[in-house]
Protein backbone atom coordinates (compact mmCIF):
# COMPACT_ATOMS: atom_id res chain seq x y z
CA MET A 1 -49.86 -57.71 55.88
CA SER A 2 -48.16 -56.40 52.77
CA SER A 3 -44.42 -55.74 52.65
CA LEU A 4 -45.22 -52.03 52.90
CA ASP A 5 -47.27 -52.55 56.06
CA ASN A 6 -44.58 -54.77 57.54
CA ALA A 7 -42.00 -52.06 56.94
CA LEU A 8 -44.11 -49.27 58.46
CA SER A 9 -45.69 -51.01 61.45
CA PRO A 10 -42.64 -51.04 63.78
CA ALA A 11 -42.33 -47.24 63.60
CA LEU A 12 -46.01 -46.85 64.50
CA ALA A 13 -45.63 -49.22 67.44
CA ALA A 14 -42.58 -47.29 68.64
CA ARG A 15 -44.49 -44.01 68.51
CA GLN A 16 -47.28 -45.49 70.59
CA GLU A 17 -44.80 -46.85 73.13
CA ALA A 18 -43.17 -43.41 73.45
CA HIS A 19 -46.57 -41.64 73.89
CA LEU A 20 -46.02 -39.79 70.60
CA TYR A 21 -48.84 -41.33 68.56
CA ARG A 22 -51.10 -38.73 66.96
CA GLN A 23 -54.86 -39.21 66.67
CA ARG A 24 -57.53 -37.10 65.03
CA ARG A 25 -60.71 -35.86 66.65
CA THR A 26 -63.91 -35.69 64.61
CA LEU A 27 -65.57 -32.29 64.94
CA GLU A 28 -69.36 -32.34 64.59
CA SER A 29 -70.06 -28.64 65.06
CA PRO A 30 -68.83 -25.29 63.78
CA GLN A 31 -65.57 -23.99 65.18
CA GLY A 32 -66.16 -21.97 68.34
CA ALA A 33 -65.63 -21.57 72.07
CA GLU A 34 -67.72 -24.73 72.49
CA VAL A 35 -67.49 -27.64 70.07
CA LEU A 36 -69.07 -31.05 69.64
CA VAL A 37 -66.54 -33.89 69.26
CA ASN A 38 -67.63 -37.50 68.88
CA GLY A 39 -71.03 -36.61 70.32
CA GLN A 40 -69.61 -34.86 73.39
CA ARG A 41 -69.66 -31.08 74.00
CA TYR A 42 -66.41 -29.45 75.15
CA LEU A 43 -65.04 -26.04 75.96
CA ASN A 44 -62.49 -25.54 73.21
CA PHE A 45 -59.08 -24.16 74.22
CA CYS A 46 -56.94 -25.51 71.37
CA SER A 47 -58.19 -23.69 68.27
CA ASN A 48 -56.35 -20.96 66.35
CA ASP A 49 -59.62 -19.10 65.70
CA TYR A 50 -58.22 -16.23 67.78
CA LEU A 51 -60.89 -13.63 67.00
CA GLY A 52 -63.89 -15.96 66.84
CA LEU A 53 -64.58 -15.31 63.15
CA ALA A 54 -64.66 -18.88 61.76
CA ASN A 55 -68.41 -19.14 62.42
CA HIS A 56 -69.37 -15.47 62.22
CA PRO A 57 -72.71 -14.95 60.43
CA GLU A 58 -71.37 -12.17 58.18
CA VAL A 59 -68.46 -14.33 57.08
CA ILE A 60 -70.78 -17.28 56.43
CA ALA A 61 -73.17 -15.08 54.42
CA ALA A 62 -70.29 -13.74 52.30
CA PHE A 63 -69.17 -17.32 51.60
CA GLN A 64 -72.68 -18.43 50.64
CA ASN A 65 -73.32 -15.45 48.37
CA ALA A 66 -70.00 -15.92 46.59
CA ALA A 67 -70.63 -19.66 46.17
CA ASN A 68 -73.91 -18.80 44.46
CA GLN A 69 -72.09 -16.38 42.15
CA TYR A 70 -68.80 -18.21 41.48
CA GLY A 71 -69.55 -21.84 42.31
CA VAL A 72 -67.65 -24.08 44.71
CA GLY A 73 -64.19 -24.62 43.18
CA SER A 74 -61.82 -22.24 41.43
CA GLY A 75 -61.18 -24.90 38.79
CA ALA A 76 -57.57 -24.00 37.99
CA SER A 77 -54.43 -22.30 39.14
CA HIS A 78 -54.30 -18.50 39.31
CA LEU A 79 -52.18 -18.36 36.15
CA VAL A 80 -54.54 -20.48 34.04
CA VAL A 81 -58.15 -19.50 34.61
CA GLY A 82 -58.60 -19.75 38.40
CA HIS A 83 -57.98 -16.11 39.36
CA SER A 84 -61.41 -14.52 39.91
CA ARG A 85 -62.33 -10.91 40.57
CA VAL A 86 -62.89 -11.66 44.26
CA HIS A 87 -59.38 -13.13 44.52
CA HIS A 88 -58.01 -9.91 43.08
CA GLU A 89 -60.09 -7.77 45.45
CA LEU A 90 -58.79 -9.74 48.42
CA GLU A 91 -55.17 -9.32 47.33
CA GLU A 92 -55.68 -5.57 47.03
CA ALA A 93 -57.40 -5.41 50.43
CA LEU A 94 -54.63 -7.42 52.13
CA ALA A 95 -51.95 -5.19 50.58
CA ASP A 96 -53.76 -2.12 51.88
CA PHE A 97 -54.24 -3.66 55.33
CA THR A 98 -50.56 -4.56 55.69
CA GLY A 99 -49.37 -1.26 54.21
CA ARG A 100 -47.60 -2.87 51.25
CA PRO A 101 -47.84 -2.28 47.49
CA ARG A 102 -48.91 -5.83 46.58
CA ALA A 103 -50.12 -9.12 48.04
CA LEU A 104 -50.29 -12.58 46.49
CA LEU A 105 -52.66 -15.37 47.55
CA PHE A 106 -51.44 -18.91 48.20
CA SER A 107 -53.52 -22.00 48.96
CA SER A 108 -51.91 -22.53 52.39
CA GLY A 109 -49.28 -21.05 54.68
CA TYR A 110 -47.09 -24.11 54.14
CA GLN A 111 -47.14 -23.52 50.38
CA ALA A 112 -46.54 -19.79 50.78
CA ASN A 113 -43.42 -20.35 52.88
CA MET A 114 -42.03 -23.16 50.73
CA GLY A 115 -42.66 -21.30 47.48
CA THR A 116 -41.35 -17.93 48.64
CA ILE A 117 -38.08 -19.22 50.13
CA ASN A 118 -37.34 -21.31 47.04
CA ALA A 119 -38.06 -18.38 44.73
CA LEU A 120 -35.68 -16.09 46.62
CA VAL A 121 -32.61 -18.25 47.32
CA GLY A 122 -30.70 -21.15 45.81
CA ARG A 123 -27.68 -23.35 46.34
CA HIS A 124 -25.10 -20.54 46.48
CA ASP A 125 -27.13 -18.44 48.96
CA PHE A 126 -27.66 -18.39 52.74
CA VAL A 127 -30.82 -18.87 54.80
CA PHE A 128 -30.76 -18.14 58.54
CA GLN A 129 -33.62 -19.38 60.70
CA ASP A 130 -34.60 -19.37 64.36
CA ARG A 131 -34.33 -22.86 65.85
CA LEU A 132 -38.04 -22.81 66.77
CA ASN A 133 -39.34 -21.74 63.36
CA HIS A 134 -42.37 -23.49 61.91
CA ALA A 135 -41.75 -26.71 59.96
CA SER A 136 -42.80 -25.08 56.68
CA LEU A 137 -40.01 -22.51 57.00
CA LEU A 138 -37.43 -25.17 57.81
CA ASP A 139 -38.59 -27.39 54.95
CA GLY A 140 -38.51 -24.44 52.55
CA ALA A 141 -34.88 -23.75 53.39
CA LEU A 142 -33.90 -27.42 53.08
CA LEU A 143 -35.63 -27.77 49.71
CA SER A 144 -33.95 -24.62 48.36
CA GLY A 145 -30.53 -26.25 48.56
CA SER A 146 -29.15 -23.08 50.10
CA ARG A 147 -26.58 -22.95 52.87
CA PHE A 148 -29.05 -23.33 55.71
CA GLN A 149 -28.05 -22.21 59.21
CA ARG A 150 -30.13 -22.08 62.40
CA PHE A 151 -29.52 -19.72 65.29
CA THR A 152 -30.51 -19.70 68.96
CA HIS A 153 -34.13 -18.82 69.63
CA ASN A 154 -34.80 -15.06 69.79
CA ASP A 155 -31.07 -14.27 69.95
CA PRO A 156 -29.92 -11.31 67.80
CA GLN A 157 -26.29 -11.84 68.83
CA ALA A 158 -26.35 -15.42 67.57
CA LEU A 159 -27.84 -14.23 64.28
CA GLU A 160 -25.23 -11.50 63.92
CA LYS A 161 -22.45 -14.04 64.35
CA ARG A 162 -23.92 -16.15 61.54
CA LEU A 163 -24.40 -13.13 59.26
CA CYS A 164 -20.88 -11.90 59.89
CA GLU A 165 -19.38 -15.30 59.02
CA ALA A 166 -21.46 -15.52 55.83
CA GLN A 167 -20.49 -12.02 54.78
CA LYS A 168 -16.78 -12.84 55.10
CA LYS A 169 -17.16 -16.18 53.34
CA SER A 170 -19.33 -15.10 50.42
CA PRO A 171 -20.10 -11.35 50.31
CA ASP A 172 -22.01 -11.49 47.02
CA SER A 173 -24.40 -14.30 47.98
CA ARG A 174 -28.00 -13.61 48.89
CA LYS A 175 -28.76 -13.75 52.62
CA LEU A 176 -32.33 -14.41 53.78
CA VAL A 177 -33.26 -14.24 57.48
CA VAL A 178 -36.54 -16.03 58.21
CA VAL A 179 -38.44 -15.94 61.52
CA ASP A 180 -41.89 -16.42 62.95
CA GLY A 181 -43.43 -13.20 64.25
CA VAL A 182 -45.20 -15.16 67.00
CA PHE A 183 -43.95 -18.67 67.70
CA SER A 184 -46.79 -21.14 67.42
CA MET A 185 -45.83 -23.51 70.24
CA ASP A 186 -44.28 -21.01 72.69
CA GLY A 187 -46.44 -17.93 72.08
CA ASP A 188 -43.51 -15.53 72.42
CA GLU A 189 -42.60 -12.86 69.86
CA ALA A 190 -39.45 -12.41 67.80
CA PRO A 191 -37.26 -9.30 68.34
CA LEU A 192 -38.07 -8.11 64.84
CA LYS A 193 -36.60 -4.61 65.07
CA ALA A 194 -33.23 -5.99 66.19
CA TYR A 195 -33.28 -8.48 63.33
CA ALA A 196 -34.25 -5.76 60.84
CA ASP A 197 -31.31 -3.62 61.96
CA LEU A 198 -28.93 -6.56 61.51
CA CYS A 199 -30.30 -7.26 58.05
CA GLN A 200 -29.73 -3.65 57.06
CA GLN A 201 -26.17 -3.84 58.39
CA TYR A 202 -25.26 -7.05 56.59
CA GLY A 203 -27.26 -6.64 53.39
CA ALA A 204 -29.71 -9.44 54.23
CA TRP A 205 -33.46 -9.68 53.66
CA LEU A 206 -35.89 -10.28 56.52
CA MET A 207 -38.89 -12.57 55.94
CA VAL A 208 -41.53 -12.76 58.69
CA ASP A 209 -44.12 -15.53 58.99
CA ASP A 210 -46.88 -13.76 60.93
CA ALA A 211 -49.40 -16.60 60.96
CA HIS A 212 -50.14 -16.17 64.67
CA GLY A 213 -49.78 -12.38 64.93
CA LEU A 214 -51.71 -10.99 61.99
CA GLY A 215 -55.14 -9.74 62.99
CA VAL A 216 -54.39 -10.25 66.68
CA ILE A 217 -51.57 -7.93 67.77
CA GLY A 218 -50.62 -4.38 66.89
CA ALA A 219 -52.70 -1.26 67.43
CA HIS A 220 -54.80 -2.01 64.33
CA GLY A 221 -54.37 -5.77 64.26
CA ARG A 222 -51.76 -5.57 61.51
CA GLY A 223 -49.57 -8.02 63.35
CA SER A 224 -46.04 -8.39 64.60
CA LEU A 225 -44.47 -5.88 62.24
CA GLU A 226 -46.89 -3.18 63.32
CA ALA A 227 -46.29 -4.00 66.98
CA ALA A 228 -42.51 -3.85 66.45
CA GLY A 229 -42.63 -0.64 64.41
CA CYS A 230 -41.10 -2.30 61.35
CA SER A 231 -41.62 -0.93 57.83
CA LEU A 232 -41.50 -2.52 54.38
CA ALA A 233 -37.81 -1.55 54.21
CA ASP A 234 -37.18 -3.36 57.51
CA ALA A 235 -38.95 -6.58 56.51
CA PRO A 236 -39.47 -6.80 52.76
CA VAL A 237 -41.23 -10.20 52.89
CA LEU A 238 -44.37 -10.77 54.99
CA MET A 239 -46.32 -14.02 55.02
CA GLY A 240 -49.73 -14.19 56.67
CA THR A 241 -52.24 -17.01 56.96
CA LEU A 242 -56.01 -16.72 56.70
CA GLY A 243 -57.00 -19.85 58.64
CA LYS A 244 -56.30 -18.45 62.10
CA ALA A 245 -57.41 -14.96 63.16
CA PHE A 246 -59.19 -14.46 59.83
CA GLY A 247 -61.22 -17.62 60.38
CA THR A 248 -61.13 -18.86 56.76
CA ALA A 249 -58.35 -20.63 54.80
CA GLY A 250 -55.33 -19.94 52.64
CA ALA A 251 -52.42 -17.54 52.96
CA PHE A 252 -50.69 -14.61 51.28
CA VAL A 253 -47.33 -12.94 50.85
CA ALA A 254 -47.16 -9.15 50.87
CA GLY A 255 -44.33 -6.91 49.71
CA SER A 256 -43.11 -4.78 46.85
CA GLU A 257 -44.29 -4.87 43.26
CA VAL A 258 -41.03 -6.52 42.24
CA LEU A 259 -41.27 -9.20 44.95
CA ILE A 260 -44.82 -10.19 44.02
CA GLU A 261 -44.11 -10.27 40.29
CA SER A 262 -41.03 -12.40 40.99
CA LEU A 263 -43.14 -14.87 43.00
CA ILE A 264 -45.73 -15.05 40.23
CA GLN A 265 -42.98 -15.99 37.80
CA SER A 266 -40.91 -18.29 40.02
CA ALA A 267 -42.78 -19.67 43.07
CA ARG A 268 -43.67 -23.21 42.02
CA ASN A 269 -46.09 -23.60 44.95
CA TYR A 270 -48.06 -20.70 43.49
CA ILE A 271 -47.75 -21.53 39.80
CA TYR A 272 -48.75 -25.19 39.98
CA THR A 273 -51.52 -25.15 42.62
CA THR A 274 -55.25 -24.70 42.22
CA ALA A 275 -56.42 -21.36 43.61
CA ILE A 276 -58.48 -21.30 46.80
CA PRO A 277 -62.24 -21.27 46.09
CA PRO A 278 -63.55 -17.77 45.30
CA ALA A 279 -66.08 -18.16 48.10
CA VAL A 280 -63.22 -18.48 50.59
CA ALA A 281 -61.72 -15.25 49.25
CA ALA A 282 -65.09 -13.50 49.64
CA ALA A 283 -65.45 -14.81 53.19
CA THR A 284 -61.97 -13.50 53.98
CA LEU A 285 -62.87 -10.05 52.68
CA SER A 286 -65.75 -10.10 55.17
CA SER A 287 -63.55 -11.22 58.07
CA LEU A 288 -60.96 -8.57 57.19
CA ALA A 289 -63.68 -5.94 57.41
CA LEU A 290 -64.63 -7.23 60.86
CA ILE A 291 -60.98 -7.16 62.01
CA LYS A 292 -60.72 -3.52 60.96
CA ARG A 293 -64.10 -2.53 62.36
CA GLU A 294 -64.30 -4.44 65.64
CA ALA A 295 -61.22 -3.58 67.68
CA TRP A 296 -63.10 -4.80 70.77
CA ARG A 297 -62.24 -8.37 69.76
CA ARG A 298 -58.53 -7.76 70.29
CA GLN A 299 -59.15 -5.91 73.54
CA HIS A 300 -61.43 -8.65 74.88
CA LEU A 301 -58.84 -11.26 73.95
CA GLN A 302 -56.15 -9.31 75.79
CA ASN A 303 -58.40 -9.10 78.85
CA LEU A 304 -58.87 -12.87 78.79
CA ILE A 305 -55.10 -13.42 78.54
CA GLU A 306 -54.58 -11.27 81.64
CA GLN A 307 -57.41 -13.07 83.47
CA PHE A 308 -55.88 -16.44 82.67
CA GLN A 309 -52.38 -15.45 83.74
CA GLN A 310 -53.60 -13.95 87.01
CA GLY A 311 -55.85 -16.93 87.74
CA LEU A 312 -53.02 -19.38 87.18
CA LYS A 313 -50.96 -17.91 90.01
CA GLY A 314 -50.82 -20.27 92.97
CA LEU A 315 -51.24 -23.36 90.78
CA PRO A 316 -48.21 -25.62 90.22
CA PHE A 317 -48.00 -25.06 86.46
CA GLU A 318 -45.08 -23.57 84.56
CA LEU A 319 -46.58 -20.96 82.25
CA MET A 320 -44.23 -20.16 79.39
CA PRO A 321 -43.54 -16.43 78.83
CA SER A 322 -46.14 -15.23 76.34
CA HIS A 323 -48.28 -12.13 75.93
CA THR A 324 -50.24 -13.58 73.02
CA ALA A 325 -53.30 -15.80 72.69
CA ILE A 326 -51.01 -18.84 72.88
CA GLN A 327 -50.53 -19.68 76.57
CA PRO A 328 -48.53 -22.93 76.85
CA LEU A 329 -48.15 -24.83 80.12
CA LEU A 330 -44.81 -26.62 80.12
CA VAL A 331 -45.17 -30.20 81.41
CA GLY A 332 -42.01 -32.06 80.35
CA SER A 333 -42.74 -35.67 79.50
CA SER A 334 -45.08 -36.70 76.71
CA GLU A 335 -46.80 -39.20 79.01
CA ALA A 336 -47.61 -36.49 81.57
CA ALA A 337 -48.88 -34.10 78.92
CA LEU A 338 -51.20 -36.75 77.50
CA HIS A 339 -52.42 -37.66 80.98
CA LEU A 340 -53.28 -34.05 81.82
CA SER A 341 -55.02 -33.56 78.48
CA GLU A 342 -57.16 -36.64 79.14
CA LYS A 343 -57.98 -35.54 82.71
CA LEU A 344 -59.11 -32.16 81.39
CA ARG A 345 -61.20 -33.86 78.72
CA ASP A 346 -62.97 -35.71 81.53
CA GLN A 347 -64.07 -32.24 82.70
CA ASN A 348 -65.24 -31.32 79.17
CA ILE A 349 -62.18 -29.14 78.50
CA LEU A 350 -60.42 -29.69 75.16
CA ILE A 351 -56.68 -28.92 75.14
CA SER A 352 -54.10 -30.68 72.98
CA ALA A 353 -50.96 -32.27 74.37
CA ILE A 354 -48.09 -31.04 72.20
CA ARG A 355 -45.19 -33.49 72.07
CA PRO A 356 -41.95 -34.09 70.16
CA PRO A 357 -41.06 -33.71 67.36
CA THR A 358 -43.34 -30.67 67.24
CA VAL A 359 -41.48 -29.35 70.29
CA PRO A 360 -37.99 -30.27 71.60
CA GLU A 361 -37.52 -33.44 73.63
CA GLY A 362 -38.50 -32.99 77.27
CA THR A 363 -40.70 -29.93 76.63
CA ALA A 364 -44.11 -31.51 76.03
CA ARG A 365 -46.86 -29.09 76.96
CA LEU A 366 -50.52 -28.21 77.06
CA ARG A 367 -50.94 -25.59 74.33
CA ILE A 368 -53.81 -23.43 75.59
CA THR A 369 -55.18 -20.94 73.08
CA LEU A 370 -57.64 -18.22 73.98
CA SER A 371 -60.15 -16.63 71.63
CA ALA A 372 -62.29 -13.53 71.53
CA ALA A 373 -65.18 -16.01 71.32
CA HIS A 374 -64.50 -17.10 74.91
CA SER A 375 -66.23 -15.45 77.84
CA GLU A 376 -64.68 -14.61 81.19
CA ALA A 377 -66.86 -17.33 82.72
CA GLN A 378 -65.43 -19.92 80.33
CA VAL A 379 -61.86 -18.92 81.17
CA GLN A 380 -62.75 -19.21 84.84
CA GLN A 381 -64.10 -22.71 84.16
CA LEU A 382 -60.76 -23.57 82.55
CA LEU A 383 -58.88 -22.31 85.61
CA LEU A 384 -61.08 -24.36 87.93
CA ALA A 385 -60.45 -27.47 85.81
CA LEU A 386 -56.70 -26.87 85.93
CA ALA A 387 -56.88 -26.60 89.70
CA VAL A 388 -58.57 -30.02 89.83
CA VAL A 389 -55.82 -31.71 87.76
CA ALA A 390 -52.93 -29.80 89.38
CA ASP A 391 -52.03 -32.73 91.64
CA ASP A 392 -51.37 -34.87 88.55
CA ILE A 393 -48.91 -32.50 86.86
CA HIS A 394 -45.76 -34.48 87.73
CA LEU A 395 -47.13 -37.91 86.83
């Protein structure tokens, strides 16, 4: 082995020993309630395709038509020659959907979060983040060089203490509060209205990553801010991803005219990245139309969530408190979570074992995600499979 391999191999061996080694599955079918992996068909309960749009025929047709018109790649960044008419139409449609003056497309949610945080704050400023925020939010704060502070999960009092201290220490510094709208590994929702009130009180800005809420929750599917009754003034920075409920790829930030123009000028992750393919933008316009038109998808998903929660009663699983499509079963040890995932796979049920460092030590879990593409019969099949493996939960 090379010196590089010799240096890296012990860490890989240690991960395997600790049951933390990650492995990829090779998907051989479209995304859906049922998928083909390595030649085997499974019921899929670990996808973020919450509304079942990733393989929708209208979305596919929009992609194909746009590929015929615009080609496959965008060819450049938005600021060079990669910003097509369909990109612009999607930005306008997303701004209208979220009730904000402007929206700006990014190539991924990770890039959107990193670029936005670094454009808004620097080394003399403060960033406050929930301890369970997504890695992209944490990395964005670290890269910014700002005074980065984390507060207890979903705890407005803990945030207020941090804000109060910062205000006394440096009243003229920028203060950015960043939270997930729906937490990706727990499925619970942030108390956004309480955070918005604190931001107003202490002159801070609230940024919400609504990757797992947009399209899914709220009366019109407009996400966590709609569900919480928060306006643009309450949360001036909204980030949403397109690879989950929208079923496509990419991300966007929505806010005021001044915010978006500032990001265009200063967000390096926007300026120096090739734009998403125009065909992806066209497909997203189609999926957005379906989200607005077919409210039954959200209602069906909510019905499945209630069916799952009711059906789990009487089984020895600890269901974490969540009203969203993310329904995690807390297991504890990484070894036990892997074992349960494998036992379910033996019954043709696909559920990922989520382990540290993605989640805190001792909180490994089965992250079950439900989709509008699932049927009641498929959720019942999941419940029956969980009943079969219930005796193994403490192994």
